[in-house]
Amino acid sequence: MRNLQKHKILLVSGVFFALGASVDARADSVMEWNIKAREIVVDAKLRTAHSNRALAIVHTSVYEAVNAITKKYPASLPLKAADNSSIDAAIASAVRVSLLYLMPDRSRELEEVYAEALAKIEDGDEKAQGIAIGQQAANTVWAARKNDGSQYPETYRPYTTAGNYVPTTIPAVPSWANRKPWMFSDPTRFRPGPPPKLASDVWVRDFNAVKRMGSRNSEDRSEEQTRMAKFWEATLPPIYHGVVHSVANMPGRDVTQNARLFAAVTRATDDAMIAVFEAKYHYGFWRPITAIRNADIDGNEGTLTDPAWVPFIPTPMHPEYPCAHCVVAGTVGAILKAEIGENATPELWTVSYTDGGARRSWTSVDDFIQEVSDARIYDGVHYRTSTEVGSAMGLEIGALAVETYLSPLKSAGNPEDN
């Protein structure tokens, strides 16, 4: 791999070498392989939704392998491992097999990383047993998830009339809602009510706020708000996994606990993406750049057209409502609250690949969730109502994940099967 590619991957993944390496001194194999796995996933240039799916499969395999060895939590798959199996070998093996299924074209890079990791583990029965249980876990998880609907061809039909030109870029994952979720059978269970009516005062508030604060050259957006906007332009998994690392790295945690946390977060995030895209394409609500340039057709005298208005960041290629970033932040936040306690004051932090590796931190989960919501308005791509609804939707999905994956009385299976 070229040095330039390595530098890019390290920034994108949020590896903590330059920024707070000492904070990550207690990192276990789960965290180390999370970083390695997301380096490979990001370098493969998968879209955000596909990246989340891939890492959910990886971390489910890791958790099942580790828990089969430690037997700390109720088993959800019929895996059997010797108590003295190497956990490090099991994790490496589970990641390798999962990623080979997901992206066989990255096999050379993956095999190099895998061989390097195995070379650090003493040869013997423990190592061999760990490799075997990792393979078994990954094979079992892949068998259950390979036909989850993500492989179906895209059949989106742009809205148009015969002979009339429309932009020819196909929007992001319009059929993602047809995938098989991890925790529920019907993504419409999380679909929120509709966006504000265009004749309402709420619409006027939302429209004018993003028009004023989210434009590329806004004179009202502060320097701090601009930094926030640039930071949260990032949408790929590393921006959120960095926050999870700051919890997984707390004193007193063990490898099985961290494996379960990453599995819960990644599966819930994958489900959150299914649910939010179901809602987005159901409502098909227009983005600020469309609304502001076409305000003369919304029928509301409180909104004024600006035909040259441009948002601070490029507008994502899918409908506006609700805010997907906010749904993911709420989902992750709900899980982290359950993990560390409602009243905890941790130092949560992550770094952003869209902001040159800059680091931001928070002392409460709620502050982290709120910042994501605010940033998407400063980015010029979402309205206030959409961010509020998105955060609430994410908290609801996260609560289901807590009940499903983090309750000692639940297995890691589908709650509807428990």
Protein backbone atom coordinates (compact mmCIF):
# COMPACT_ATOMS: atom_id res chain seq x y z
CA MET A 1 0.00 0.00 0.00
CA ARG A 2 1.38 3.40 -0.92
CA ASN A 3 2.40 5.83 1.81
CA LEU A 4 -0.19 8.37 0.62
CA GLN A 5 -2.93 5.78 0.94
CA LYS A 6 -1.73 4.82 4.42
CA HIS A 7 -1.79 8.46 5.53
CA LYS A 8 -5.31 8.89 4.19
CA ILE A 9 -6.54 5.74 5.89
CA LEU A 10 -5.10 6.70 9.25
CA LEU A 11 -6.88 10.03 9.14
CA VAL A 12 -10.14 8.57 7.93
CA SER A 13 -10.12 5.82 10.53
CA GLY A 14 -9.41 8.11 13.42
CA VAL A 15 -6.42 6.07 14.56
CA PHE A 16 -5.12 7.75 17.65
CA PHE A 17 -1.38 7.79 17.03
CA ALA A 18 -0.96 11.56 16.77
CA LEU A 19 -4.03 12.57 18.75
CA GLY A 20 -4.10 11.19 22.27
CA ALA A 21 -2.26 7.92 21.76
CA SER A 22 -1.77 7.62 25.51
CA VAL A 23 -5.54 7.60 26.02
CA ASP A 24 -5.71 4.40 24.00
CA ALA A 25 -2.96 2.66 25.96
CA ARG A 26 -5.39 0.04 27.32
CA ALA A 27 -6.71 -0.89 23.86
CA ASP A 28 -7.56 -4.59 23.53
CA SER A 29 -7.81 -6.72 20.41
CA VAL A 30 -11.42 -5.72 19.82
CA MET A 31 -10.49 -2.06 19.54
CA GLU A 32 -7.34 -2.75 17.56
CA TRP A 33 -9.22 -4.84 15.04
CA ASN A 34 -12.03 -2.31 14.87
CA ILE A 35 -9.46 0.19 13.62
CA LYS A 36 -7.93 -2.28 11.17
CA ALA A 37 -11.31 -3.38 9.84
CA ARG A 38 -12.62 0.11 9.28
CA GLU A 39 -9.33 1.09 7.56
CA ILE A 40 -9.97 -1.65 5.03
CA VAL A 41 -13.67 -0.83 4.69
CA VAL A 42 -13.03 2.88 4.21
CA ASP A 43 -10.18 2.30 1.76
CA ALA A 44 -12.58 0.16 -0.29
CA LYS A 45 -14.64 3.34 -0.78
CA LEU A 46 -17.91 1.83 0.35
CA ARG A 47 -20.80 4.24 0.86
CA THR A 48 -21.78 5.04 4.42
CA ALA A 49 -24.71 2.63 4.50
CA HIS A 50 -22.67 -0.24 3.05
CA SER A 51 -19.80 0.50 5.45
CA ASN A 52 -22.14 0.24 8.43
CA ARG A 53 -23.48 -3.08 7.18
CA ALA A 54 -19.98 -4.48 6.72
CA LEU A 55 -18.80 -3.50 10.19
CA ALA A 56 -21.97 -4.87 11.78
CA ILE A 57 -21.22 -8.26 10.25
CA VAL A 58 -17.58 -8.06 11.34
CA HIS A 59 -18.30 -7.09 14.93
CA THR A 60 -21.11 -9.60 15.33
CA SER A 61 -18.67 -12.31 14.28
CA VAL A 62 -16.05 -10.99 16.70
CA TYR A 63 -18.47 -10.90 19.62
CA GLU A 64 -19.84 -14.38 18.96
CA ALA A 65 -16.31 -15.81 18.79
CA VAL A 66 -15.10 -14.06 21.94
CA ASN A 67 -18.21 -14.88 23.96
CA ALA A 68 -18.02 -18.53 22.88
CA ILE A 69 -14.63 -18.63 24.59
CA THR A 70 -15.32 -16.55 27.71
CA LYS A 71 -18.98 -17.53 28.10
CA LYS A 72 -19.62 -14.25 29.89
CA TYR A 73 -23.05 -13.62 28.33
CA PRO A 74 -25.87 -15.92 27.17
CA ALA A 75 -24.97 -17.54 23.86
CA SER A 76 -27.00 -16.66 20.79
CA LEU A 77 -25.28 -19.00 18.33
CA PRO A 78 -24.52 -22.72 18.78
CA LEU A 79 -20.76 -22.23 18.94
CA LYS A 80 -18.51 -24.28 21.19
CA ALA A 81 -14.96 -23.29 22.04
CA ALA A 82 -12.37 -24.49 24.50
CA ASP A 83 -11.92 -22.17 27.46
CA ASN A 84 -8.21 -21.84 26.72
CA SER A 85 -8.69 -20.81 23.08
CA SER A 86 -6.73 -17.71 22.13
CA ILE A 87 -9.08 -14.73 22.13
CA ASP A 88 -6.65 -12.67 20.05
CA ALA A 89 -6.50 -15.39 17.40
CA ALA A 90 -10.29 -15.76 17.43
CA ILE A 91 -10.81 -12.04 16.86
CA ALA A 92 -8.26 -11.88 14.06
CA SER A 93 -9.79 -14.93 12.40
CA ALA A 94 -13.36 -13.65 12.68
CA VAL A 95 -12.42 -10.32 11.11
CA ARG A 96 -10.44 -11.96 8.32
CA VAL A 97 -13.18 -14.39 7.30
CA SER A 98 -15.92 -11.76 7.51
CA LEU A 99 -14.04 -9.23 5.39
CA LEU A 100 -13.05 -11.86 2.83
CA TYR A 101 -16.74 -12.57 2.35
CA LEU A 102 -17.62 -8.87 2.19
CA MET A 103 -14.81 -7.63 -0.05
CA PRO A 104 -12.78 -10.43 -1.62
CA ASP A 105 -10.99 -7.89 -3.81
CA ARG A 106 -9.17 -6.66 -0.66
CA SER A 107 -7.82 -10.12 0.13
CA ARG A 108 -4.14 -9.30 -0.39
CA GLU A 109 -4.22 -6.37 2.01
CA LEU A 110 -6.31 -8.31 4.51
CA GLU A 111 -4.10 -11.40 4.46
CA GLU A 112 -1.05 -9.24 5.14
CA VAL A 113 -2.67 -7.64 8.18
CA TYR A 114 -3.92 -11.00 9.39
CA ALA A 115 -0.53 -12.70 9.03
CA GLU A 116 1.15 -9.88 10.91
CA ALA A 117 -1.33 -10.21 13.77
CA LEU A 118 -1.03 -14.02 13.98
CA ALA A 119 2.76 -13.79 14.04
CA LYS A 120 2.50 -12.06 17.42
CA ILE A 121 0.56 -14.98 18.94
CA GLU A 122 2.46 -18.01 20.23
CA ASP A 123 1.87 -21.13 18.15
CA GLY A 124 0.04 -23.99 19.80
CA ASP A 125 -3.36 -25.51 20.48
CA GLU A 126 -4.75 -22.29 21.98
CA LYS A 127 -3.93 -20.35 18.82
CA ALA A 128 -5.32 -23.06 16.52
CA GLN A 129 -8.52 -23.31 18.58
CA GLY A 130 -8.95 -19.53 18.50
CA ILE A 131 -8.56 -19.44 14.74
CA ALA A 132 -11.11 -22.23 14.39
CA ILE A 133 -13.79 -20.58 16.54
CA GLY A 134 -13.29 -17.25 14.79
CA GLN A 135 -13.84 -18.94 11.43
CA GLN A 136 -16.89 -20.78 12.72
CA ALA A 137 -18.44 -17.59 14.10
CA ALA A 138 -17.81 -15.63 10.90
CA ASN A 139 -19.15 -18.42 8.68
CA THR A 140 -22.30 -18.70 10.79
CA VAL A 141 -22.97 -14.96 10.84
CA TRP A 142 -22.32 -14.63 7.12
CA ALA A 143 -24.70 -17.49 6.32
CA ALA A 144 -27.43 -15.57 8.17
CA ARG A 145 -26.66 -12.15 6.63
CA LYS A 146 -25.37 -12.70 3.09
CA ASN A 147 -28.86 -12.60 1.60
CA ASP A 148 -30.16 -9.66 3.63
CA GLY A 149 -31.30 -7.77 0.54
CA SER A 150 -28.26 -5.59 0.02
CA GLN A 151 -27.32 -7.62 -3.04
CA TYR A 152 -30.44 -6.75 -5.01
CA PRO A 153 -29.96 -4.52 -8.09
CA GLU A 154 -30.93 -0.86 -7.73
CA THR A 155 -34.22 -0.09 -9.53
CA TYR A 156 -34.82 3.54 -8.57
CA ARG A 157 -36.85 5.49 -11.17
CA PRO A 158 -36.16 9.25 -11.26
CA TYR A 159 -39.26 11.43 -11.10
CA THR A 160 -39.82 13.00 -14.51
CA THR A 161 -42.15 13.36 -17.45
CA ALA A 162 -41.46 11.92 -20.89
CA GLY A 163 -38.73 13.82 -22.66
CA ASN A 164 -37.93 16.12 -19.71
CA TYR A 165 -34.33 16.30 -18.44
CA VAL A 166 -33.63 15.65 -14.75
CA PRO A 167 -30.26 15.23 -13.01
CA THR A 168 -28.95 11.76 -13.81
CA THR A 169 -27.17 10.79 -10.58
CA ILE A 170 -29.01 7.97 -8.82
CA PRO A 171 -29.60 8.85 -5.14
CA ALA A 172 -28.10 6.86 -2.30
CA VAL A 173 -29.57 3.45 -1.37
CA PRO A 174 -33.26 4.10 -2.17
CA SER A 175 -34.06 0.40 -1.67
CA TRP A 176 -32.12 0.02 1.60
CA ALA A 177 -35.38 -0.32 3.53
CA ASN A 178 -35.93 -3.66 1.80
CA ARG A 179 -32.98 -5.18 3.63
CA LYS A 180 -33.36 -7.62 6.51
CA PRO A 181 -32.78 -5.75 9.80
CA TRP A 182 -30.98 -7.22 12.79
CA MET A 183 -33.49 -6.28 15.51
CA PHE A 184 -36.93 -5.94 13.97
CA SER A 185 -39.01 -7.16 11.06
CA ASP A 186 -40.55 -3.89 9.83
CA PRO A 187 -38.58 -0.62 9.58
CA THR A 188 -41.81 1.37 9.35
CA ARG A 189 -42.21 0.89 13.12
CA PHE A 190 -39.75 3.78 13.55
CA ARG A 191 -41.12 6.00 10.79
CA PRO A 192 -41.85 9.44 12.30
CA GLY A 193 -44.75 11.69 11.44
CA PRO A 194 -44.45 13.88 8.35
CA PRO A 195 -42.20 16.95 8.01
CA PRO A 196 -43.70 20.39 8.66
CA LYS A 197 -46.38 21.61 6.31
CA LEU A 198 -45.14 24.32 4.00
CA ALA A 199 -47.86 26.69 5.18
CA SER A 200 -46.79 26.40 8.82
CA ASP A 201 -44.81 28.74 11.06
CA VAL A 202 -42.46 25.84 11.83
CA TRP A 203 -41.55 25.65 8.16
CA VAL A 204 -40.77 29.37 8.11
CA ARG A 205 -38.55 28.94 11.18
CA ASP A 206 -36.73 25.96 9.74
CA PHE A 207 -36.32 27.46 6.29
CA ASN A 208 -34.93 30.79 7.45
CA ALA A 209 -32.61 29.28 10.05
CA VAL A 210 -30.81 27.02 7.60
CA LYS A 211 -30.84 29.72 4.92
CA ARG A 212 -29.09 32.10 7.31
CA MET A 213 -26.78 29.73 9.21
CA GLY A 214 -26.05 27.07 6.61
CA SER A 215 -25.03 29.05 3.55
CA ARG A 216 -21.50 28.68 2.27
CA ASN A 217 -20.56 32.27 3.10
CA SER A 218 -22.83 32.86 6.09
CA GLU A 219 -22.01 35.99 8.07
CA ASP A 220 -24.06 34.72 11.04
CA ARG A 221 -22.33 31.39 11.58
CA SER A 222 -19.55 31.77 14.16
CA GLU A 223 -16.04 30.38 13.79
CA GLU A 224 -16.84 27.67 16.32
CA GLN A 225 -20.04 26.75 14.48
CA THR A 226 -18.10 26.58 11.23
CA ARG A 227 -15.56 24.23 12.81
CA MET A 228 -18.43 22.11 14.08
CA ALA A 229 -19.96 21.99 10.61
CA LYS A 230 -16.71 20.92 8.99
CA PHE A 231 -16.11 18.27 11.64
CA TRP A 232 -19.52 16.62 11.16
CA GLU A 233 -19.35 16.66 7.39
CA ALA A 234 -17.90 13.19 8.06
CA THR A 235 -20.50 10.41 7.89
CA LEU A 236 -18.49 7.18 7.61
CA PRO A 237 -18.36 4.85 10.63
CA PRO A 238 -14.99 6.03 12.04
CA ILE A 239 -16.50 9.34 13.22
CA TYR A 240 -18.82 7.41 15.56
CA HIS A 241 -16.54 4.49 16.35
CA GLY A 242 -14.06 6.95 17.80
CA VAL A 243 -16.69 7.93 20.38
CA VAL A 244 -17.29 4.26 21.15
CA HIS A 245 -13.55 3.81 21.65
CA SER A 246 -13.56 6.49 24.32
CA VAL A 247 -16.03 4.36 26.30
CA ALA A 248 -14.47 0.99 25.48
CA ASN A 249 -11.14 2.35 26.70
CA MET A 250 -12.39 3.20 30.20
CA PRO A 251 -10.74 1.43 33.15
CA GLY A 252 -12.17 -1.86 34.35
CA ARG A 253 -13.58 -3.08 31.04
CA ASP A 254 -12.74 -6.45 29.53
CA VAL A 255 -12.51 -7.81 26.02
CA THR A 256 -15.89 -9.57 26.00
CA GLN A 257 -17.63 -6.45 27.26
CA ASN A 258 -16.03 -4.41 24.49
CA ALA A 259 -16.83 -7.03 21.88
CA ARG A 260 -20.48 -6.91 22.94
CA LEU A 261 -20.50 -3.08 22.92
CA PHE A 262 -19.12 -2.84 19.39
CA ALA A 263 -21.50 -5.53 18.17
CA ALA A 264 -24.46 -3.70 19.70
CA VAL A 265 -23.41 -0.34 18.26
CA THR A 266 -22.68 -1.60 14.76
CA ARG A 267 -25.83 -3.71 14.43
CA ALA A 268 -28.02 -0.92 15.79
CA THR A 269 -26.37 1.60 13.48
CA ASP A 270 -26.98 -0.67 10.52
CA ASP A 271 -30.62 -0.97 11.52
CA ALA A 272 -30.82 2.79 12.04
CA MET A 273 -29.71 3.28 8.44
CA ILE A 274 -32.40 0.89 7.22
CA ALA A 275 -35.08 2.71 9.22
CA VAL A 276 -34.03 6.24 8.32
CA PHE A 277 -33.79 5.54 4.59
CA GLU A 278 -37.23 3.96 4.72
CA ALA A 279 -38.55 7.21 6.16
CA LYS A 280 -36.53 9.41 3.81
CA TYR A 281 -37.84 7.81 0.65
CA HIS A 282 -41.34 7.55 2.05
CA TYR A 283 -41.56 11.33 2.52
CA GLY A 284 -39.14 12.51 -0.19
CA PHE A 285 -38.80 15.94 1.45
CA TRP A 286 -36.73 18.56 -0.33
CA ARG A 287 -33.29 19.66 0.77
CA PRO A 288 -32.54 23.29 1.71
CA ILE A 289 -30.78 24.02 -1.59
CA THR A 290 -33.92 22.95 -3.47
CA ALA A 291 -36.35 24.73 -1.15
CA ILE A 292 -34.41 28.00 -0.96
CA ARG A 293 -33.95 28.22 -4.72
CA ASN A 294 -37.64 27.43 -5.22
CA ALA A 295 -39.23 29.29 -2.32
CA ASP A 296 -41.56 31.08 -4.71
CA ILE A 297 -43.52 27.85 -5.17
CA ASP A 298 -43.96 26.82 -1.50
CA GLY A 299 -47.01 29.09 -1.04
CA ASN A 300 -45.63 30.72 2.11
CA GLU A 301 -44.95 34.46 2.24
CA GLY A 302 -42.49 33.95 5.09
CA THR A 303 -39.93 32.31 2.81
CA LEU A 304 -38.00 34.16 0.12
CA THR A 305 -36.19 32.74 -2.87
CA ASP A 306 -32.42 32.99 -3.23
CA PRO A 307 -31.59 31.54 -6.66
CA ALA A 308 -27.84 31.46 -5.94
CA TRP A 309 -27.93 29.98 -2.43
CA VAL A 310 -25.32 27.26 -1.77
CA PRO A 311 -24.91 25.19 1.43
CA PHE A 312 -21.67 25.05 3.42
CA ILE A 313 -21.02 21.42 2.38
CA PRO A 314 -22.18 19.44 -0.67
CA THR A 315 -25.73 18.21 -0.19
CA PRO A 316 -26.03 14.43 0.31
CA MET A 317 -27.74 12.67 -2.57
CA HIS A 318 -30.92 11.49 -0.84
CA PRO A 319 -34.07 13.08 0.64
CA GLU A 320 -33.81 15.41 3.64
CA TYR A 321 -36.25 14.11 6.27
CA PRO A 322 -35.33 12.87 8.78
CA CYS A 323 -31.64 13.61 9.43
CA ALA A 324 -29.68 10.35 9.11
CA HIS A 325 -26.64 11.70 10.94
CA CYS A 326 -28.92 12.60 13.84
CA VAL A 327 -30.56 9.18 13.84
CA VAL A 328 -27.17 7.50 14.06
CA ALA A 329 -25.99 9.88 16.81
CA GLY A 330 -29.13 9.18 18.83
CA THR A 331 -28.76 5.43 18.34
CA VAL A 332 -25.12 5.39 19.42
CA GLY A 333 -25.85 7.81 22.25
CA ALA A 334 -28.62 5.65 23.72
CA ILE A 335 -26.35 2.62 23.77
CA LEU A 336 -23.48 4.53 25.37
CA LYS A 337 -25.80 5.93 28.05
CA ALA A 338 -26.87 2.42 28.95
CA GLU A 339 -23.27 1.26 29.01
CA ILE A 340 -21.84 3.98 31.26
CA GLY A 341 -24.95 5.14 33.13
CA GLU A 342 -27.28 8.11 32.65
CA ASN A 343 -25.44 10.34 35.13
CA ALA A 344 -21.88 9.59 34.06
CA THR A 345 -19.59 12.44 32.96
CA PRO A 346 -17.08 10.72 30.69
CA GLU A 347 -14.73 12.34 28.23
CA LEU A 348 -16.20 11.30 24.94
CA TRP A 349 -14.16 12.19 21.91
CA THR A 350 -13.42 11.40 18.30
CA VAL A 351 -11.55 12.80 15.32
CA SER A 352 -12.83 13.82 11.89
CA TYR A 353 -11.39 12.90 8.52
CA THR A 354 -13.22 15.86 6.91
CA ASP A 355 -11.52 18.29 9.28
CA GLY A 356 -7.91 17.24 8.91
CA GLY A 357 -7.94 14.86 11.88
CA ALA A 358 -9.25 17.52 14.30
CA ARG A 359 -10.48 16.24 17.66
CA ARG A 360 -13.64 17.25 19.48
CA SER A 361 -14.81 16.08 22.91
CA TRP A 362 -17.89 16.14 25.16
CA THR A 363 -18.54 15.42 28.82
CA SER A 364 -22.06 14.12 28.26
CA VAL A 365 -23.76 11.93 25.69
CA ASP A 366 -26.55 14.49 25.29
CA ASP A 367 -24.03 17.19 24.32
CA PHE A 368 -22.56 14.89 21.69
CA ILE A 369 -26.01 14.16 20.22
CA GLN A 370 -26.97 17.84 20.23
CA GLU A 371 -23.77 18.89 18.49
CA VAL A 372 -24.44 16.53 15.62
CA SER A 373 -27.92 18.03 15.20
CA ASP A 374 -26.66 21.60 15.28
CA ALA A 375 -23.83 20.85 12.87
CA ARG A 376 -26.15 19.59 10.16
CA ILE A 377 -27.96 22.92 10.15
CA TYR A 378 -24.65 24.79 10.00
CA ASP A 379 -23.72 22.46 7.13
CA GLY A 380 -26.76 23.75 5.25
CA VAL A 381 -28.22 20.31 4.54
CA HIS A 382 -30.93 19.87 7.20
CA TYR A 383 -33.74 21.73 8.96
CA ARG A 384 -34.16 21.99 12.73
CA THR A 385 -37.30 19.81 12.80
CA SER A 386 -35.51 17.07 10.88
CA THR A 387 -32.61 17.04 13.33
CA GLU A 388 -34.91 16.94 16.36
CA VAL A 389 -37.02 14.16 14.90
CA GLY A 390 -33.91 12.28 13.79
CA SER A 391 -32.33 12.40 17.25
CA ALA A 392 -35.54 11.15 18.86
CA MET A 393 -35.85 8.37 16.30
CA GLY A 394 -32.25 7.32 16.99
CA LEU A 395 -32.82 7.24 20.74
CA GLU A 396 -35.76 4.92 20.17
CA ILE A 397 -33.71 2.58 17.99
CA GLY A 398 -30.87 2.70 20.51
CA ALA A 399 -33.25 1.80 23.33
CA LEU A 400 -34.31 -1.30 21.39
CA ALA A 401 -30.64 -2.19 20.93
CA VAL A 402 -30.06 -1.91 24.68
CA GLU A 403 -33.01 -4.20 25.36
CA THR A 404 -31.90 -6.63 22.67
CA TYR A 405 -28.14 -6.79 23.08
CA LEU A 406 -27.14 -5.35 26.43
CA SER A 407 -29.75 -6.83 28.75
CA PRO A 408 -28.32 -9.85 30.61
CA LEU A 409 -31.60 -11.66 30.05
CA LYS A 410 -31.50 -11.25 26.27
CA SER A 411 -29.39 -13.04 23.71
CA ALA A 412 -27.88 -11.29 20.72
CA GLY A 413 -30.64 -12.54 18.45
CA ASN A 414 -33.76 -10.88 17.15
CA PRO A 415 -35.92 -9.71 20.10
CA GLU A 416 -38.98 -10.80 18.20
CA ASP A 417 -37.59 -14.35 18.39
CA ASN A 418 -36.86 -14.20 22.15
